[in-house]
């Protein structure tokens, strides 16, 4: 009712020529909106992928918890001829309802074992997430591919002291025939070190200790990132007149840190983890 009332006011209080221009603009906007919706009725899944002989497409469960659920969908295609047919025939048709909480199946486009693109498919709702929206998707396509190009695989989780170690592992893995791909570790902190802050005339409370330590760290850090975490609580600070903070950072920050007031202790590397997939 409110929109109709506003529209009537526009038609009453504007001149004939102005009303005609307004109606034309509104109509044109509606046509454009309708065109945008219509343009989303069909979307080729692999439209933006330029397949060549270095590519493969893998359908796989995203984690161990869903491996049994999706065991009949797993496939691998590394034939360029088949990939081109896949690109031509896999079309997502029609918008679907939003299904973010449902279990999803992963499809990866790999080039030389590197992830170039990925999609989430929701078998229980026959939907795929693509072009920032959910589209209807024929799940029987997954079963057909899995029956013709089945994939059995193992999942390995490895730990490393630093990213350099991970890159050595990755390079060595690529040389092995059974290797499919690896999900790189999420960037975090390289390690941590303890720092002791004692009470003083300037540091009378736990929050004072946090503020003063951060005031020292900030200019030292430069482009490095750091995080100050407490090892013991406020009660400890009040009773012992000191507190131990754990600073997480990269090694470069640790090497630059040289406070006489807030003395640092030994550096400890933090392990990073990767998940790799291997053909059985």
Protein backbone atom coordinates (compact mmCIF):
# COMPACT_ATOMS: atom_id res chain seq x y z
CA UNK A 1 0.00 0.00 0.00
CA UNK A 2 2.80 2.44 0.87
CA UNK A 3 4.52 2.01 -2.51
CA UNK A 4 1.18 2.48 -4.33
CA UNK A 5 0.46 5.66 -2.33
CA UNK A 6 3.91 7.13 -3.17
CA UNK A 7 3.42 6.27 -6.85
CA UNK A 8 0.05 8.11 -6.87
CA UNK A 9 1.67 11.19 -5.29
CA UNK A 10 4.33 11.18 -8.01
CA UNK A 11 1.68 11.06 -10.75
CA UNK A 12 -0.44 13.79 -9.14
CA UNK A 13 2.23 16.40 -8.38
CA UNK A 14 4.46 16.15 -11.46
CA UNK A 15 3.73 17.59 -14.90
CA UNK A 16 2.70 15.37 -17.81
CA UNK A 17 6.19 15.37 -19.34
CA UNK A 18 7.85 14.68 -15.98
CA UNK A 19 5.41 11.87 -15.23
CA UNK A 20 6.19 10.31 -18.61
CA UNK A 21 9.96 10.42 -17.89
CA UNK A 22 9.49 8.92 -14.42
CA UNK A 23 7.29 6.10 -15.74
CA UNK A 24 9.86 5.43 -18.48
CA UNK A 25 12.71 5.25 -15.94
CA UNK A 26 10.75 2.97 -13.62
CA UNK A 27 9.74 0.69 -16.50
CA UNK A 28 13.33 0.58 -17.82
CA UNK A 29 14.59 -0.31 -14.32
CA UNK A 30 12.07 -3.12 -14.04
CA UNK A 31 13.14 -4.49 -17.43
CA UNK A 32 16.81 -4.43 -16.40
CA UNK A 33 16.01 -6.17 -13.12
CA UNK A 34 14.01 -8.79 -14.97
CA UNK A 35 16.89 -9.28 -17.42
CA UNK A 36 19.35 -9.78 -14.54
CA UNK A 37 17.10 -12.43 -13.02
CA UNK A 38 16.62 -14.09 -16.38
CA UNK A 39 20.36 -14.12 -16.99
CA UNK A 40 20.76 -16.30 -13.91
CA UNK A 41 18.40 -19.05 -15.10
CA UNK A 42 21.21 -21.02 -16.73
CA UNK A 43 24.89 -21.02 -15.76
CA UNK A 44 27.57 -23.30 -17.26
CA UNK A 45 29.44 -24.77 -14.29
CA UNK A 46 32.87 -24.70 -15.98
CA UNK A 47 32.33 -21.53 -18.01
CA UNK A 48 35.43 -19.72 -16.74
CA UNK A 49 37.77 -22.74 -16.80
CA UNK A 50 40.06 -22.98 -19.84
CA UNK A 51 40.81 -26.69 -19.86
CA UNK A 52 44.08 -28.01 -21.29
CA UNK A 53 46.04 -31.25 -20.92
CA UNK A 54 47.35 -30.21 -17.47
CA UNK A 55 43.83 -30.12 -16.01
CA UNK A 56 41.78 -32.66 -14.11
CA UNK A 57 38.40 -32.43 -12.36
CA UNK A 58 37.83 -34.27 -9.10
CA UNK A 59 34.65 -34.89 -7.14
CA UNK A 60 35.42 -35.69 -3.53
CA UNK A 61 34.01 -35.62 0.00
CA UNK A 62 35.22 -32.52 1.87
CA UNK A 63 36.08 -34.37 5.09
CA UNK A 64 36.20 -37.77 6.75
CA UNK A 65 32.78 -37.24 8.30
CA UNK A 66 31.05 -37.08 4.91
CA UNK A 67 33.20 -39.69 3.11
CA UNK A 68 30.68 -42.51 3.64
CA UNK A 69 27.73 -40.27 2.77
CA UNK A 70 29.23 -39.31 -0.61
CA UNK A 71 31.11 -42.50 -1.49
CA UNK A 72 28.93 -43.08 -4.60
CA UNK A 73 29.74 -39.62 -6.03
CA UNK A 74 33.55 -39.58 -6.07
CA UNK A 75 35.18 -39.33 -9.51
CA UNK A 76 38.25 -38.13 -11.38
CA UNK A 77 38.52 -36.97 -14.99
CA UNK A 78 41.87 -36.16 -16.55
CA UNK A 79 41.08 -36.71 -20.24
CA UNK A 80 40.99 -33.39 -22.11
CA UNK A 81 38.34 -34.71 -24.49
CA UNK A 82 36.06 -35.66 -21.58
CA UNK A 83 36.73 -32.36 -19.81
CA UNK A 84 35.60 -30.45 -22.90
CA UNK A 85 32.38 -32.50 -22.98
CA UNK A 86 31.92 -31.78 -19.29
CA UNK A 87 32.28 -28.06 -19.90
CA UNK A 88 29.73 -28.19 -22.70
CA UNK A 89 27.12 -30.30 -20.95
CA UNK A 90 27.23 -29.31 -17.29
CA UNK A 91 24.69 -26.50 -17.04
CA UNK A 92 23.10 -25.38 -13.78
CA UNK A 93 19.49 -24.52 -14.60
CA UNK A 94 17.18 -22.40 -12.47
CA UNK A 95 17.70 -20.76 -9.11
CA UNK A 96 17.39 -23.00 -6.08
CA UNK A 97 16.55 -22.23 -2.47
CA UNK A 98 19.45 -21.30 -0.20
CA UNK A 99 20.89 -24.42 1.48
CA UNK A 100 23.97 -23.32 3.45
CA UNK A 101 23.45 -25.77 6.35
CA UNK A 102 23.19 -28.97 4.30
CA UNK A 103 26.11 -31.43 3.81
CA UNK A 104 28.01 -30.55 0.65
CA UNK A 105 30.16 -32.40 -1.86
CA UNK A 106 33.30 -30.77 -3.35
CA UNK A 107 34.26 -30.48 -7.00
CA UNK A 108 37.78 -29.23 -7.77
CA UNK A 109 39.30 -28.11 -11.05
CA UNK A 110 43.03 -28.83 -10.75
CA UNK A 111 45.90 -27.77 -12.96
CA UNK A 112 49.20 -29.55 -12.30
CA UNK A 113 47.79 -30.62 -8.90
CA UNK A 114 46.97 -27.01 -7.92
CA UNK A 115 43.40 -26.00 -7.07
CA UNK A 116 42.24 -23.46 -9.66
CA UNK A 117 38.54 -23.45 -8.90
CA UNK A 118 36.10 -25.25 -6.63
CA UNK A 119 32.36 -25.71 -6.19
CA UNK A 120 30.03 -26.89 -3.43
CA UNK A 121 27.27 -29.31 -4.47
CA UNK A 122 24.34 -30.10 -2.17
CA UNK A 123 23.05 -33.57 -3.16
CA UNK A 124 20.15 -33.61 -0.68
CA UNK A 125 18.73 -30.47 -2.34
CA UNK A 126 19.96 -31.10 -5.91
CA UNK A 127 21.75 -27.74 -5.84
CA UNK A 128 25.14 -26.22 -6.64
CA UNK A 129 26.62 -22.93 -5.43
CA UNK A 130 27.92 -20.94 -8.38
CA UNK A 131 28.03 -17.30 -9.49
CA UNK A 132 27.21 -16.19 -5.93
CA UNK A 133 23.91 -18.07 -5.88
CA UNK A 134 22.33 -21.52 -5.50
CA UNK A 135 21.20 -23.25 -8.68
CA UNK A 136 19.35 -26.46 -9.39
CA UNK A 137 21.71 -29.27 -10.35
CA UNK A 138 21.12 -32.79 -11.65
CA UNK A 139 22.79 -34.96 -9.01
CA UNK A 140 22.51 -38.07 -11.20
CA UNK A 141 25.42 -36.61 -13.20
CA UNK A 142 27.68 -37.31 -10.22
CA UNK A 143 26.61 -40.94 -10.00
CA UNK A 144 27.16 -41.43 -13.74
CA UNK A 145 30.67 -39.97 -13.58
CA UNK A 146 31.51 -41.99 -10.46
CA UNK A 147 30.45 -45.21 -12.18
CA UNK A 148 32.48 -44.43 -15.31
CA UNK A 149 35.47 -42.65 -13.74
CA UNK A 150 35.57 -43.88 -10.10
CA UNK A 151 37.98 -42.45 -7.59
CA UNK A 152 39.18 -44.20 -4.45
CA UNK A 153 41.47 -42.10 -2.35
CA UNK A 154 43.26 -41.69 0.97
CA UNK A 155 43.48 -38.53 3.04
CA UNK A 156 46.66 -37.64 4.93
CA UNK A 157 47.22 -34.90 7.51
CA UNK A 158 50.83 -33.79 7.98
CA UNK A 159 52.44 -31.29 10.33
CA UNK A 160 55.38 -28.97 9.64
CA UNK A 161 57.51 -26.61 11.66
CA UNK A 162 57.20 -23.85 9.08
CA UNK A 163 55.97 -23.08 5.59
CA UNK A 164 59.35 -23.86 4.03
CA UNK A 165 59.05 -27.45 5.26
CA UNK A 166 55.55 -27.68 3.84
CA UNK A 167 56.68 -26.43 0.42
CA UNK A 168 59.43 -29.08 0.31
CA UNK A 169 56.82 -31.73 1.13
CA UNK A 170 54.46 -30.39 -1.54
CA UNK A 171 57.13 -30.34 -4.25
CA UNK A 172 58.14 -33.93 -3.44
CA UNK A 173 54.50 -35.06 -3.40
CA UNK A 174 53.79 -33.65 -6.87
CA UNK A 175 56.41 -36.00 -8.29
CA UNK A 176 54.49 -39.07 -7.06
CA UNK A 177 51.93 -40.71 -9.35
CA UNK A 178 49.35 -41.29 -6.62
CA UNK A 179 49.29 -37.66 -5.48
CA UNK A 180 46.09 -35.73 -6.28
CA UNK A 181 46.34 -32.39 -4.49
CA UNK A 182 46.97 -30.73 -1.15
CA UNK A 183 45.08 -28.02 0.69
CA UNK A 184 47.64 -25.46 1.81
CA UNK A 185 47.87 -24.62 5.51
CA UNK A 186 45.94 -21.56 6.59
CA UNK A 187 48.31 -18.67 7.20
CA UNK A 188 48.84 -18.10 10.91
CA UNK A 189 51.75 -17.38 13.23
CA UNK A 190 55.13 -19.05 12.84
CA UNK A 191 55.61 -19.43 16.58
CA UNK A 192 55.42 -17.85 20.02
CA UNK A 193 57.52 -16.73 22.99
CA UNK A 194 56.79 -15.77 26.62
CA UNK A 195 57.30 -12.26 28.00
CA UNK A 196 57.23 -11.33 31.71
CA UNK A 197 55.67 -8.03 32.78
CA UNK A 198 56.10 -6.88 36.38
CA UNK A 199 54.18 -4.31 38.40
CA UNK A 200 55.69 -0.83 38.61
CA UNK A 201 54.70 2.75 39.25
CA UNK A 202 53.43 2.89 35.65
CA UNK A 203 51.97 -0.61 35.55
CA UNK A 204 49.53 -0.96 38.45
CA UNK A 205 46.86 -3.16 36.87
CA UNK A 206 46.52 -6.09 34.53
CA UNK A 207 45.19 -3.79 31.80
CA UNK A 208 48.17 -1.46 32.29
CA UNK A 209 50.43 -4.44 31.62
CA UNK A 210 48.59 -5.28 28.39
CA UNK A 211 48.64 -1.65 27.22
CA UNK A 212 52.33 -1.05 27.94
CA UNK A 213 53.44 -4.28 26.28
CA UNK A 214 51.34 -3.53 23.22
CA UNK A 215 52.77 0.00 23.13
CA UNK A 216 56.26 -1.48 22.87
CA UNK A 217 55.33 -4.18 20.35
CA UNK A 218 53.45 -2.02 17.88
CA UNK A 219 56.40 0.02 16.47
CA UNK A 220 58.69 -3.03 16.58
CA UNK A 221 56.28 -5.13 14.52
CA UNK A 222 56.31 -3.01 11.37
CA UNK A 223 54.61 -5.22 8.77
CA UNK A 224 54.69 -8.27 11.05
CA UNK A 225 51.54 -9.42 12.78
CA UNK A 226 51.48 -10.37 16.44
CA UNK A 227 49.00 -11.38 19.10
CA UNK A 228 49.36 -10.98 22.87
CA UNK A 229 47.84 -13.85 24.87
CA UNK A 230 47.83 -14.30 28.64
CA UNK A 231 49.30 -17.42 30.18
CA UNK A 232 47.92 -16.67 33.63
CA UNK A 233 45.02 -14.50 34.75
CA UNK A 234 44.34 -11.23 36.53
CA UNK A 235 44.37 -12.89 39.95
CA UNK A 236 47.89 -14.12 39.32
CA UNK A 237 49.00 -10.61 38.41
CA UNK A 238 47.48 -9.19 41.59
CA UNK A 239 49.02 -11.83 43.88
CA UNK A 240 52.42 -12.34 42.22
CA UNK A 241 52.95 -8.75 41.04
CA UNK A 242 53.77 -10.07 37.59
CA UNK A 243 52.15 -11.73 34.59
CA UNK A 244 53.48 -13.91 31.80
CA UNK A 245 52.19 -13.08 28.33
CA UNK A 246 52.59 -15.33 25.32
CA UNK A 247 53.23 -13.37 22.13
CA UNK A 248 52.45 -15.16 18.87
CA UNK A 249 54.23 -13.77 15.82
CA UNK A 250 56.58 -14.53 12.96
CA UNK A 251 60.26 -15.23 13.63
CA UNK A 252 61.29 -11.85 12.22
CA UNK A 253 59.31 -10.04 14.92
CA UNK A 254 60.89 -12.22 17.63
CA UNK A 255 64.40 -11.42 16.38
CA UNK A 256 63.65 -7.68 16.41
CA UNK A 257 62.05 -7.76 19.87
CA UNK A 258 64.67 -6.55 22.39
CA UNK A 259 63.00 -4.92 25.39
CA UNK A 260 64.95 -4.61 28.63
CA UNK A 261 61.75 -3.95 30.57
CA UNK A 262 59.64 -6.79 29.11
CA UNK A 263 62.23 -9.53 28.65
CA UNK A 264 61.50 -12.28 26.17
CA UNK A 265 62.17 -15.98 26.64
CA UNK A 266 62.86 -18.78 24.14
CA UNK A 267 61.16 -18.99 20.77
CA UNK A 268 58.88 -22.00 20.04
CA UNK A 269 57.79 -22.96 16.55
CA UNK A 270 54.08 -23.54 16.03
CA UNK A 271 53.23 -26.50 13.85
CA UNK A 272 51.20 -25.97 10.70
CA UNK A 273 49.02 -28.69 9.20
CA UNK A 274 48.11 -29.65 5.63
CA UNK A 275 45.54 -32.05 4.22
CA UNK A 276 46.58 -34.02 1.14
CA UNK A 277 44.64 -36.42 -1.09
CA UNK A 278 46.12 -39.52 -2.71
CA UNK A 279 44.76 -42.02 -5.21
CA UNK A 280 44.64 -45.56 -3.83
